[in-house]
C-alpha atoms as a PDB file:
ATOM      1  CA  UNK A   1     -48.839 129.519 -96.966  1.00  0.00           C
ATOM      2  CA  UNK A   2     -46.958 130.547 -93.801  1.00  0.00           C
ATOM      3  CA  UNK A   3     -46.466 128.148 -90.906  1.00  0.00           C
ATOM      4  CA  UNK A   4     -49.605 127.048 -89.040  1.00  0.00           C
ATOM      5  CA  UNK A   5     -49.939 125.790 -85.468  1.00  0.00           C
ATOM      6  CA  UNK A   6     -52.529 123.292 -84.269  1.00  0.00           C
ATOM      7  CA  UNK A   7     -53.415 121.713 -80.927  1.00  0.00           C
ATOM      8  CA  UNK A   8     -55.189 118.374 -80.475  1.00  0.00           C
ATOM      9  CA  UNK A   9     -56.599 118.039 -76.956  1.00  0.00           C
ATOM     10  CA  UNK A  10     -57.443 114.400 -76.354  1.00  0.00           C
ATOM     11  CA  UNK A  11     -58.515 112.426 -73.331  1.00  0.00           C
ATOM     12  CA  UNK A  12     -55.083 110.840 -72.854  1.00  0.00           C
ATOM     13  CA  UNK A  13     -52.667 113.067 -74.784  1.00  0.00           C
ATOM     14  CA  UNK A  14     -52.390 116.686 -75.851  1.00  0.00           C
ATOM     15  CA  UNK A  15     -50.399 117.424 -78.984  1.00  0.00           C
ATOM     16  CA  UNK A  16     -49.069 120.528 -80.675  1.00  0.00           C
ATOM     17  CA  UNK A  17     -47.793 120.644 -84.246  1.00  0.00           C
ATOM     18  CA  UNK A  18     -46.339 123.282 -86.543  1.00  0.00           C
ATOM     19  CA  UNK A  19     -47.026 122.770 -90.248  1.00  0.00           C
ATOM     20  CA  UNK A  20     -44.911 124.284 -93.018  1.00  0.00           C
ATOM     21  CA  UNK A  21     -46.078 125.721 -96.299  1.00  0.00           C
ATOM     22  CA  UNK A  22     -46.488 122.275 -97.909  1.00  0.00           C
ATOM     23  CA  UNK A  23     -48.326 120.801 -94.933  1.00  0.00           C
ATOM     24  CA  UNK A  24     -45.183 119.103 -93.612  1.00  0.00           C
ATOM     25  CA  UNK A  25     -44.405 118.832 -89.903  1.00  0.00           C
ATOM     26  CA  UNK A  26     -41.846 121.369 -88.688  1.00  0.00           C
ATOM     27  CA  UNK A  27     -42.417 120.440 -85.044  1.00  0.00           C
ATOM     28  CA  UNK A  28     -44.566 117.962 -83.157  1.00  0.00           C
ATOM     29  CA  UNK A  29     -44.762 117.286 -79.432  1.00  0.00           C
ATOM     30  CA  UNK A  30     -47.142 115.451 -77.080  1.00  0.00           C
ATOM     31  CA  UNK A  31     -47.759 115.536 -73.356  1.00  0.00           C
ATOM     32  CA  UNK A  32     -50.127 113.528 -71.169  1.00  0.00           C
ATOM     33  CA  UNK A  33     -53.471 115.288 -70.732  1.00  0.00           C
ATOM     34  CA  UNK A  34     -54.209 116.086 -67.068  1.00  0.00           C
ATOM     35  CA  UNK A  35     -57.805 115.167 -67.799  1.00  0.00           C
ATOM     36  CA  UNK A  36     -59.155 115.765 -64.285  1.00  0.00           C
ATOM     37  CA  UNK A  37     -57.812 119.329 -63.883  1.00  0.00           C
ATOM     38  CA  UNK A  38     -59.035 122.160 -66.111  1.00  0.00           C
ATOM     39  CA  UNK A  39     -56.350 124.695 -65.165  1.00  0.00           C
ATOM     40  CA  UNK A  40     -53.648 122.069 -65.710  1.00  0.00           C
ATOM     41  CA  UNK A  41     -55.031 121.438 -69.212  1.00  0.00           C
ATOM     42  CA  UNK A  42     -54.624 125.149 -70.010  1.00  0.00           C
ATOM     43  CA  UNK A  43     -51.102 125.072 -68.558  1.00  0.00           C
ATOM     44  CA  UNK A  44     -50.193 122.030 -70.676  1.00  0.00           C
ATOM     45  CA  UNK A  45     -51.395 123.646 -73.898  1.00  0.00           C
ATOM     46  CA  UNK A  46     -49.583 126.897 -73.071  1.00  0.00           C
ATOM     47  CA  UNK A  47     -46.345 125.008 -72.382  1.00  0.00           C
ATOM     48  CA  UNK A  48     -46.601 123.040 -75.651  1.00  0.00           C
ATOM     49  CA  UNK A  49     -47.193 126.176 -77.730  1.00  0.00           C
ATOM     50  CA  UNK A  50     -44.220 127.934 -76.131  1.00  0.00           C
ATOM     51  CA  UNK A  51     -42.057 124.867 -76.899  1.00  0.00           C
ATOM     52  CA  UNK A  52     -43.209 124.946 -80.519  1.00  0.00           C
ATOM     53  CA  UNK A  53     -42.446 128.648 -80.923  1.00  0.00           C
ATOM     54  CA  UNK A  54     -39.022 128.310 -79.303  1.00  0.00           C
ATOM     55  CA  UNK A  55     -38.072 125.217 -81.306  1.00  0.00           C
ATOM     56  CA  UNK A  56     -39.076 126.577 -84.714  1.00  0.00           C
ATOM     57  CA  UNK A  57     -38.469 130.293 -84.377  1.00  0.00           C
ATOM     58  CA  UNK A  58     -41.913 130.904 -85.866  1.00  0.00           C
ATOM     59  CA  UNK A  59     -43.415 134.248 -84.893  1.00  0.00           C
ATOM     60  CA  UNK A  60     -46.437 134.115 -82.590  1.00  0.00           C
ATOM     61  CA  UNK A  61     -49.330 133.683 -85.031  1.00  0.00           C
ATOM     62  CA  UNK A  62     -52.594 135.597 -85.129  1.00  0.00           C
ATOM     63  CA  UNK A  63     -54.472 132.292 -84.755  1.00  0.00           C
ATOM     64  CA  UNK A  64     -53.824 128.781 -83.413  1.00  0.00           C
ATOM     65  CA  UNK A  65     -56.409 126.069 -84.113  1.00  0.00           C
ATOM     66  CA  UNK A  66     -57.532 123.625 -81.440  1.00  0.00           C
ATOM     67  CA  UNK A  67     -59.374 120.280 -81.655  1.00  0.00           C
ATOM     68  CA  UNK A  68     -61.384 119.126 -78.633  1.00  0.00           C
ATOM     69  CA  UNK A  69     -63.476 116.019 -77.828  1.00  0.00           C
ATOM     70  CA  UNK A  70     -66.688 118.061 -77.711  1.00  0.00           C
ATOM     71  CA  UNK A  71     -67.925 121.362 -79.116  1.00  0.00           C
ATOM     72  CA  UNK A  72     -68.569 124.989 -78.201  1.00  0.00           C
ATOM     73  CA  UNK A  73     -72.198 125.780 -77.509  1.00  0.00           C
ATOM     74  CA  UNK A  74     -73.232 128.472 -80.039  1.00  0.00           C
ATOM     75  CA  UNK A  75     -75.231 130.365 -77.391  1.00  0.00           C
ATOM     76  CA  UNK A  76     -72.988 130.225 -74.324  1.00  0.00           C
ATOM     77  CA  UNK A  77     -69.639 129.667 -76.131  1.00  0.00           C
ATOM     78  CA  UNK A  78     -68.823 127.146 -73.415  1.00  0.00           C
ATOM     79  CA  UNK A  79     -67.772 123.536 -73.972  1.00  0.00           C
ATOM     80  CA  UNK A  80     -70.433 120.833 -73.994  1.00  0.00           C
ATOM     81  CA  UNK A  81     -70.547 117.147 -74.907  1.00  0.00           C
ATOM     82  CA  UNK A  82     -66.894 116.486 -74.062  1.00  0.00           C
ATOM     83  CA  UNK A  83     -65.964 113.090 -72.666  1.00  0.00           C
ATOM     84  CA  UNK A  84     -63.092 114.905 -70.942  1.00  0.00           C
ATOM     85  CA  UNK A  85     -65.666 115.977 -68.391  1.00  0.00           C
ATOM     86  CA  UNK A  86     -63.755 118.866 -66.764  1.00  0.00           C
ATOM     87  CA  UNK A  87     -64.036 120.798 -70.039  1.00  0.00           C
ATOM     88  CA  UNK A  88     -67.829 120.888 -69.975  1.00  0.00           C
ATOM     89  CA  UNK A  89     -69.259 124.243 -68.966  1.00  0.00           C
ATOM     90  CA  UNK A  90     -65.888 125.993 -69.254  1.00  0.00           C
ATOM     91  CA  UNK A  91     -65.137 129.137 -71.304  1.00  0.00           C
ATOM     92  CA  UNK A  92     -62.304 127.198 -72.888  1.00  0.00           C
ATOM     93  CA  UNK A  93     -61.860 129.295 -76.017  1.00  0.00           C
ATOM     94  CA  UNK A  94     -61.756 132.610 -74.142  1.00  0.00           C
ATOM     95  CA  UNK A  95     -59.443 131.178 -71.476  1.00  0.00           C
ATOM     96  CA  UNK A  96     -57.061 129.766 -74.077  1.00  0.00           C
ATOM     97  CA  UNK A  97     -57.042 132.984 -76.111  1.00  0.00           C
ATOM     98  CA  UNK A  98     -56.063 134.876 -72.964  1.00  0.00           C
ATOM     99  CA  UNK A  99     -53.238 132.395 -72.278  1.00  0.00           C
ATOM    100  CA  UNK A 100     -51.906 132.280 -75.832  1.00  0.00           C
ATOM    101  CA  UNK A 101     -52.525 135.929 -76.727  1.00  0.00           C
ATOM    102  CA  UNK A 102     -54.022 135.106 -80.112  1.00  0.00           C
ATOM    103  CA  UNK A 103     -57.269 133.990 -81.691  1.00  0.00           C
ATOM    104  CA  UNK A 104     -58.055 130.282 -81.100  1.00  0.00           C
ATOM    105  CA  UNK A 105     -60.656 128.733 -83.415  1.00  0.00           C
ATOM    106  CA  UNK A 106     -61.957 125.585 -81.689  1.00  0.00           C
ATOM    107  CA  UNK A 107     -63.537 122.608 -83.420  1.00  0.00           C
ATOM    108  CA  UNK A 108     -64.679 119.095 -82.599  1.00  0.00           C
ATOM    109  CA  UNK A 109     -61.873 116.566 -83.113  1.00  0.00           C
ATOM    110  CA  UNK A 110     -63.833 114.550 -85.689  1.00  0.00           C
ATOM    111  CA  UNK A 111     -64.418 117.720 -87.709  1.00  0.00           C
ATOM    112  CA  UNK A 112     -60.662 118.332 -87.589  1.00  0.00           C
ATOM    113  CA  UNK A 113     -60.089 114.800 -88.894  1.00  0.00           C
ATOM    114  CA  UNK A 114     -62.500 115.517 -91.748  1.00  0.00           C
ATOM    115  CA  UNK A 115     -60.784 118.810 -92.600  1.00  0.00           C
ATOM    116  CA  UNK A 116     -57.296 117.293 -92.522  1.00  0.00           C
ATOM    117  CA  UNK A 117     -58.263 114.422 -94.802  1.00  0.00           C
ATOM    118  CA  UNK A 118     -60.232 116.719 -97.150  1.00  0.00           C
ATOM    119  CA  UNK A 119     -57.428 119.269 -97.535  1.00  0.00           C
ATOM    120  CA  UNK A 120     -54.553 116.922 -98.358  1.00  0.00           C
ATOM    121  CA  UNK A 121     -55.413 113.440 -97.181  1.00  0.00           C
ATOM    122  CA  UNK A 122     -57.524 110.483 -98.249  1.00  0.00           C
ATOM    123  CA  UNK A 123     -60.389 112.800 -99.260  1.00  0.00           C
ATOM    124  CA  UNK A 124     -58.291 115.176-101.365  1.00  0.00           C
ATOM    125  CA  UNK A 125     -60.445 116.625-104.154  1.00  0.00           C
ATOM    126  CA  UNK A 126     -63.747 115.499-102.609  1.00  0.00           C
ATOM    127  CA  UNK A 127     -66.341 118.224-102.082  1.00  0.00           C
ATOM    128  CA  UNK A 128     -68.096 116.375 -99.234  1.00  0.00           C
ATOM    129  CA  UNK A 129     -66.106 114.223 -96.789  1.00  0.00           C
ATOM    130  CA  UNK A 130     -67.582 112.349 -93.836  1.00  0.00           C
ATOM    131  CA  UNK A 131     -64.968 111.285 -91.295  1.00  0.00           C
ATOM    132  CA  UNK A 132     -65.592 108.752 -88.525  1.00  0.00           C
ATOM    133  CA  UNK A 133     -63.436 108.267 -85.455  1.00  0.00           C
ATOM    134  CA  UNK A 134     -63.633 104.637 -84.315  1.00  0.00           C
ATOM    135  CA  UNK A 135     -61.536 104.646 -81.182  1.00  0.00           C
ATOM    136  CA  UNK A 136     -62.209 104.710 -77.463  1.00  0.00           C
ATOM    137  CA  UNK A 137     -65.390 106.526 -78.467  1.00  0.00           C
ATOM    138  CA  UNK A 138     -67.149 107.032 -81.771  1.00  0.00           C
ATOM    139  CA  UNK A 139     -67.645 110.362 -83.495  1.00  0.00           C
ATOM    140  CA  UNK A 140     -68.253 111.837 -86.906  1.00  0.00           C
ATOM    141  CA  UNK A 141     -67.269 115.009 -88.704  1.00  0.00           C
ATOM    142  CA  UNK A 142     -68.190 116.676 -91.982  1.00  0.00           C
ATOM    143  CA  UNK A 143     -65.987 118.745 -94.281  1.00  0.00           C
ATOM    144  CA  UNK A 144     -67.600 120.728 -97.095  1.00  0.00           C
ATOM    145  CA  UNK A 145     -65.151 122.180 -99.592  1.00  0.00           C
ATOM    146  CA  UNK A 146     -62.320 121.516 -97.144  1.00  0.00           C
ATOM    147  CA  UNK A 147     -63.989 123.368 -94.268  1.00  0.00           C
ATOM    148  CA  UNK A 148     -65.711 121.953 -91.193  1.00  0.00           C
ATOM    149  CA  UNK A 149     -69.501 122.026 -91.177  1.00  0.00           C
ATOM    150  CA  UNK A 150     -70.811 122.474 -87.623  1.00  0.00           C
ATOM    151  CA  UNK A 151     -74.503 123.053 -88.221  1.00  0.00           C
ATOM    152  CA  UNK A 152     -76.845 125.441 -86.442  1.00  0.00           C
ATOM    153  CA  UNK A 153     -76.305 123.893 -83.007  1.00  0.00           C
ATOM    154  CA  UNK A 154     -72.702 122.696 -83.509  1.00  0.00           C
ATOM    155  CA  UNK A 155     -73.812 119.051 -83.511  1.00  0.00           C
ATOM    156  CA  UNK A 156     -73.494 118.242 -87.227  1.00  0.00           C
ATOM    157  CA  UNK A 157     -71.799 114.877 -87.578  1.00  0.00           C
ATOM    158  CA  UNK A 158     -72.667 113.633 -84.065  1.00  0.00           C
ATOM    159  CA  UNK A 159     -73.230 110.266 -85.636  1.00  0.00           C
ATOM    160  CA  UNK A 160     -71.936 108.294 -82.655  1.00  0.00           C
ATOM    161  CA  UNK A 161     -74.923 109.316 -80.555  1.00  0.00           C
ATOM    162  CA  UNK A 162     -77.579 108.017 -82.918  1.00  0.00           C
ATOM    163  CA  UNK A 163     -78.970 104.517 -82.289  1.00  0.00           C
ATOM    164  CA  UNK A 164     -77.816 101.403 -84.079  1.00  0.00           C
ATOM    165  CA  UNK A 165     -80.025 101.017 -87.168  1.00  0.00           C
ATOM    166  CA  UNK A 166     -82.110  97.941 -88.038  1.00  0.00           C
ATOM    167  CA  UNK A 167     -81.218  96.083 -84.807  1.00  0.00           C
ATOM    168  CA  UNK A 168     -81.613  92.354 -84.389  1.00  0.00           C
ATOM    169  CA  UNK A 169     -83.536  90.956 -81.441  1.00  0.00           C
ATOM    170  CA  UNK A 170     -80.268  90.449 -79.564  1.00  0.00           C
ATOM    171  CA  UNK A 171     -79.191  94.022 -80.291  1.00  0.00           C
ATOM    172  CA  UNK A 172     -82.352  95.373 -78.698  1.00  0.00           C
ATOM    173  CA  UNK A 173     -80.732  94.509 -75.351  1.00  0.00           C
ATOM    174  CA  UNK A 174     -78.976  97.852 -75.558  1.00  0.00           C
ATOM    175  CA  UNK A 175     -76.092  98.978 -73.347  1.00  0.00           C
ATOM    176  CA  UNK A 176     -76.134 102.418 -71.701  1.00  0.00           C
ATOM    177  CA  UNK A 177     -74.030 105.261 -73.107  1.00  0.00           C
ATOM    178  CA  UNK A 178     -72.179 107.900 -71.077  1.00  0.00           C
ATOM    179  CA  UNK A 179     -74.328 110.584 -72.755  1.00  0.00           C
ATOM    180  CA  UNK A 180     -77.374 109.395 -70.787  1.00  0.00           C
ATOM    181  CA  UNK A 181     -79.130 107.497 -73.590  1.00  0.00           C
ATOM    182  CA  UNK A 182     -78.956 103.801 -74.464  1.00  0.00           C
ATOM    183  CA  UNK A 183     -77.916 101.937 -77.588  1.00  0.00           C
ATOM    184  CA  UNK A 184     -75.822 104.724 -79.154  1.00  0.00           C
ATOM    185  CA  UNK A 185     -73.516 103.728 -81.994  1.00  0.00           C
ATOM    186  CA  UNK A 186     -70.609 104.582 -79.709  1.00  0.00           C
ATOM    187  CA  UNK A 187     -71.520 101.624 -77.514  1.00  0.00           C
ATOM    188  CA  UNK A 188     -71.433  99.255 -80.526  1.00  0.00           C
ATOM    189  CA  UNK A 189     -68.783 100.343 -83.055  1.00  0.00           C
ATOM    190  CA  UNK A 190     -66.132 102.060 -80.967  1.00  0.00           C
ATOM    191  CA  UNK A 191     -63.122  99.947 -80.044  1.00  0.00           C
ATOM    192  CA  UNK A 192     -64.421  99.708 -76.480  1.00  0.00           C
ATOM    193  CA  UNK A 193     -67.870  98.743 -77.781  1.00  0.00           C
ATOM    194  CA  UNK A 194     -66.328  95.989 -79.894  1.00  0.00           C
ATOM    195  CA  UNK A 195     -64.489  94.624 -76.835  1.00  0.00           C
ATOM    196  CA  UNK A 196     -67.594  94.902 -74.650  1.00  0.00           C
ATOM    197  CA  UNK A 197     -69.706  92.985 -77.144  1.00  0.00           C
ATOM    198  CA  UNK A 198     -67.102  90.228 -77.463  1.00  0.00           C
ATOM    199  CA  UNK A 199     -66.955  89.852 -73.669  1.00  0.00           C
ATOM    200  CA  UNK A 200     -70.753  89.716 -73.466  1.00  0.00           C
ATOM    201  CA  UNK A 201     -71.037  87.087 -76.218  1.00  0.00           C
ATOM    202  CA  UNK A 202     -67.986  84.937 -75.470  1.00  0.00           C
ATOM    203  CA  UNK A 203     -66.628  85.891 -72.053  1.00  0.00           C
ATOM    204  CA  UNK A 204     -63.166  87.116 -71.189  1.00  0.00           C
ATOM    205  CA  UNK A 205     -61.778  90.639 -71.103  1.00  0.00           C
ATOM    206  CA  UNK A 206     -59.866  90.970 -74.370  1.00  0.00           C
ATOM    207  CA  UNK A 207     -59.056  94.387 -75.822  1.00  0.00           C
ATOM    208  CA  UNK A 208     -60.095  95.246 -79.378  1.00  0.00           C
ATOM    209  CA  UNK A 209     -56.479  94.759 -80.505  1.00  0.00           C
ATOM    210  CA  UNK A 210     -56.318  91.269 -79.003  1.00  0.00           C
ATOM    211  CA  UNK A 211     -59.673  90.259 -80.476  1.00  0.00           C
ATOM    212  CA  UNK A 212     -58.441  91.240 -83.949  1.00  0.00           C
ATOM    213  CA  UNK A 213     -55.218  89.303 -83.391  1.00  0.00           C
ATOM    214  CA  UNK A 214     -57.224  86.257 -82.335  1.00  0.00           C
ATOM    215  CA  UNK A 215     -59.478  86.605 -85.379  1.00  0.00           C
ATOM    216  CA  UNK A 216     -56.413  86.647 -87.649  1.00  0.00           C
ATOM    217  CA  UNK A 217     -55.174  83.489 -85.934  1.00  0.00           C
ATOM    218  CA  UNK A 218     -58.401  81.694 -86.800  1.00  0.00           C
ATOM    219  CA  UNK A 219     -60.204  81.981 -83.465  1.00  0.00           C
ATOM    220  CA  UNK A 220     -63.877  81.243 -84.147  1.00  0.00           C
ATOM    221  CA  UNK A 221     -65.326  83.408 -81.387  1.00  0.00           C
ATOM    222  CA  UNK A 222     -63.197  86.413 -82.392  1.00  0.00           C
ATOM    223  CA  UNK A 223     -64.213  85.920 -86.031  1.00  0.00           C
ATOM    224  CA  UNK A 224     -67.883  85.916 -85.049  1.00  0.00           C
ATOM    225  CA  UNK A 225     -67.417  89.118 -83.053  1.00  0.00           C
ATOM    226  CA  UNK A 226     -65.692  90.802 -85.976  1.00  0.00           C
ATOM    227  CA  UNK A 227     -68.482  89.799 -88.379  1.00  0.00           C
ATOM    228  CA  UNK A 228     -71.002  91.310 -85.963  1.00  0.00           C
ATOM    229  CA  UNK A 229     -68.893  94.469 -85.822  1.00  0.00           C
ATOM    230  CA  UNK A 230     -68.780  94.699 -89.632  1.00  0.00           C
ATOM    231  CA  UNK A 231     -72.558  94.336 -89.833  1.00  0.00           C
ATOM    232  CA  UNK A 232     -73.101  97.131 -87.322  1.00  0.00           C
ATOM    233  CA  UNK A 233     -70.549  99.414 -88.967  1.00  0.00           C
ATOM    234  CA  UNK A 234     -72.119  98.780 -92.372  1.00  0.00           C
ATOM    235  CA  UNK A 235     -75.584  99.708 -91.126  1.00  0.00           C
ATOM    236  CA  UNK A 236     -74.216 102.811 -89.413  1.00  0.00           C
ATOM    237  CA  UNK A 237     -72.395 103.990 -92.548  1.00  0.00           C
ATOM    238  CA  UNK A 238     -75.441 103.268 -94.702  1.00  0.00           C
ATOM    239  CA  UNK A 239     -77.318 105.822 -92.615  1.00  0.00           C
ATOM    240  CA  UNK A 240     -74.621 108.390 -93.418  1.00  0.00           C
ATOM    241  CA  UNK A 241     -74.955 107.658 -97.130  1.00  0.00           C
ATOM    242  CA  UNK A 242     -78.753 107.905 -97.005  1.00  0.00           C
ATOM    243  CA  UNK A 243     -78.644 111.252 -95.212  1.00  0.00           C
ATOM    244  CA  UNK A 244     -75.536 112.983 -96.585  1.00  0.00           C
ATOM    245  CA  UNK A 245     -74.453 110.981 -99.665  1.00  0.00           C
ATOM    246  CA  UNK A 246     -70.804 112.068 -99.241  1.00  0.00           C
ATOM    247  CA  UNK A 247     -68.151 111.755-101.919  1.00  0.00           C
ATOM    248  CA  UNK A 248     -66.158 109.549 -99.575  1.00  0.00           C
ATOM    249  CA  UNK A 249     -66.069 108.264 -96.007  1.00  0.00           C
ATOM    250  CA  UNK A 250     -62.749 108.372 -94.161  1.00  0.00           C
ATOM    251  CA  UNK A 251     -62.143 106.216 -91.088  1.00  0.00           C
ATOM    252  CA  UNK A 252     -59.817 107.205 -88.259  1.00  0.00           C
ATOM    253  CA  UNK A 253     -59.168 105.954 -84.730  1.00  0.00           C
ATOM    254  CA  UNK A 254     -57.797 102.604 -83.628  1.00  0.00           C
ATOM    255  CA  UNK A 255     -60.377 100.419 -85.383  1.00  0.00           C
ATOM    256  CA  UNK A 256     -59.581 102.123 -88.707  1.00  0.00           C
ATOM    257  CA  UNK A 257     -56.271 100.224 -88.653  1.00  0.00           C
ATOM    258  CA  UNK A 258     -58.086  96.892 -89.061  1.00  0.00           C
ATOM    259  CA  UNK A 259     -57.437  96.384 -92.773  1.00  0.00           C
ATOM    260  CA  UNK A 260     -60.023  93.608 -93.046  1.00  0.00           C
ATOM    261  CA  UNK A 261     -62.759  96.245 -92.773  1.00  0.00           C
ATOM    262  CA  UNK A 262     -62.174  97.848 -96.163  1.00  0.00           C
ATOM    263  CA  UNK A 263     -62.727  95.005 -98.661  1.00  0.00           C
ATOM    264  CA  UNK A 264     -65.807  93.842 -96.729  1.00  0.00           C
ATOM    265  CA  UNK A 265     -67.652  97.023 -95.784  1.00  0.00           C
ATOM    266  CA  UNK A 266     -69.396  97.777 -99.095  1.00  0.00           C
ATOM    267  CA  UNK A 267     -71.280  94.482 -98.976  1.00  0.00           C
ATOM    268  CA  UNK A 268     -72.392  95.288 -95.422  1.00  0.00           C
ATOM    269  CA  UNK A 269     -73.639  98.768 -96.385  1.00  0.00           C
ATOM    270  CA  UNK A 270     -75.429  98.006 -99.632  1.00  0.00           C
ATOM    271  CA  UNK A 271     -78.541  96.202 -98.297  1.00  0.00           C
ATOM    272  CA  UNK A 272     -79.373  99.295 -96.249  1.00  0.00           C
ATOM    273  CA  UNK A 273     -78.688 102.162 -98.674  1.00  0.00           C
ATOM    274  CA  UNK A 274     -81.705 103.616-100.437  1.00  0.00           C
ATOM    275  CA  UNK A 275     -80.006 103.209-103.816  1.00  0.00           C
ATOM    276  CA  UNK A 276     -78.607  99.766-104.555  1.00  0.00           C
ATOM    277  CA  UNK A 277     -75.956 101.198-106.871  1.00  0.00           C
ATOM    278  CA  UNK A 278     -74.086 102.994-104.060  1.00  0.00           C
ATOM    279  CA  UNK A 279     -70.311 102.780-104.332  1.00  0.00           C
ATOM    280  CA  UNK A 280     -69.225 105.313-101.737  1.00  0.00           C
ATOM    281  CA  UNK A 281     -65.482 104.838-101.100  1.00  0.00           C
ATOM    282  CA  UNK A 282     -64.674 103.959 -97.492  1.00  0.00           C
ATOM    283  CA  UNK A 283     -61.006 104.799 -96.954  1.00  0.00           C
ATOM    284  CA  UNK A 284     -58.487 104.704 -94.121  1.00  0.00           C
ATOM    285  CA  UNK A 285     -57.308 108.161 -92.991  1.00  0.00           C
ATOM    286  CA  UNK A 286     -54.077 108.943 -94.813  1.00  0.00           C
ATOM    287  CA  UNK A 287     -52.570 110.868 -91.910  1.00  0.00           C
ATOM    288  CA  UNK A 288     -53.546 108.417 -89.175  1.00  0.00           C
ATOM    289  CA  UNK A 289     -53.406 109.760 -85.633  1.00  0.00           C
ATOM    290  CA  UNK A 290     -51.855 113.026 -86.833  1.00  0.00           C
ATOM    291  CA  UNK A 291     -55.023 114.034 -88.678  1.00  0.00           C
ATOM    292  CA  UNK A 292     -56.548 115.681 -85.609  1.00  0.00           C
ATOM    293  CA  UNK A 293     -53.666 118.054 -84.985  1.00  0.00           C
ATOM    294  CA  UNK A 294     -53.228 118.726 -88.700  1.00  0.00           C
ATOM    295  CA  UNK A 295     -56.914 119.568 -89.049  1.00  0.00           C
ATOM    296  CA  UNK A 296     -56.635 121.887 -86.035  1.00  0.00           C
ATOM    297  CA  UNK A 297     -53.758 123.693 -87.738  1.00  0.00           C
ATOM    298  CA  UNK A 298     -55.833 124.115 -90.907  1.00  0.00           C
ATOM    299  CA  UNK A 299     -58.437 125.945 -88.798  1.00  0.00           C
ATOM    300  CA  UNK A 300     -55.958 128.799 -88.435  1.00  0.00           C
ATOM    301  CA  UNK A 301     -55.792 129.460 -92.182  1.00  0.00           C
END
């Protein structure tokens, strides 16, 4: 395999990476995303790609893959559903291809996570991989045979914008979601949702990281919030198993670094899966926060 180049356009950072023939990093660079200026986003990506080509001496490729926090509408080929709002309605792929003078396959960032982990990560050898991003937001992606599955309307895997399953009476008091609906999984099992719920139940304005630290120090309120989080994540993943029955589930994003999730999550899922013999592995992403850019590079194969 010749060198591949990928771009991961996130809400706070934009990253470019060049992968060698064994999937190793030859070059990796990040810049802050100018998230409120569409033309500046294009300029940032262009600058990063030129840096990568200059630093590695790699010839300009025929294709460069790009991960975005949204998707391309199959009818209009414009971006929709991006929480980097200036992307929505833009002919991003065409604009970027003009800037970079090559083909630019564009995929949802959670799909890129799924592809990266399916090709040579935690899901290596699995035919069907479901990947969940549990970070500032909450998204899902599906890789079939190491390739992203978008679906007819490019919304396959949009797990974060389904409602929380089997809610308790307290959970029926649902918070609004930026997408315009209420009670989406993103508002419950993202890192920001975890922090919001803790503040609602116990007061204060702790971040997800600080709540986990407090839980590890024996704080009762933080422990209660984490148990609630586990219950909600278990119900959400049980829905994935009931619908897709993947070979494995890979977790990425900031909350995936909470190691206490993994030994406990099976017991939270099992009451809600249609078969009570389910043993779907739930695994931390092997490549961590580099999975997005690696998956984008794999798009250029």
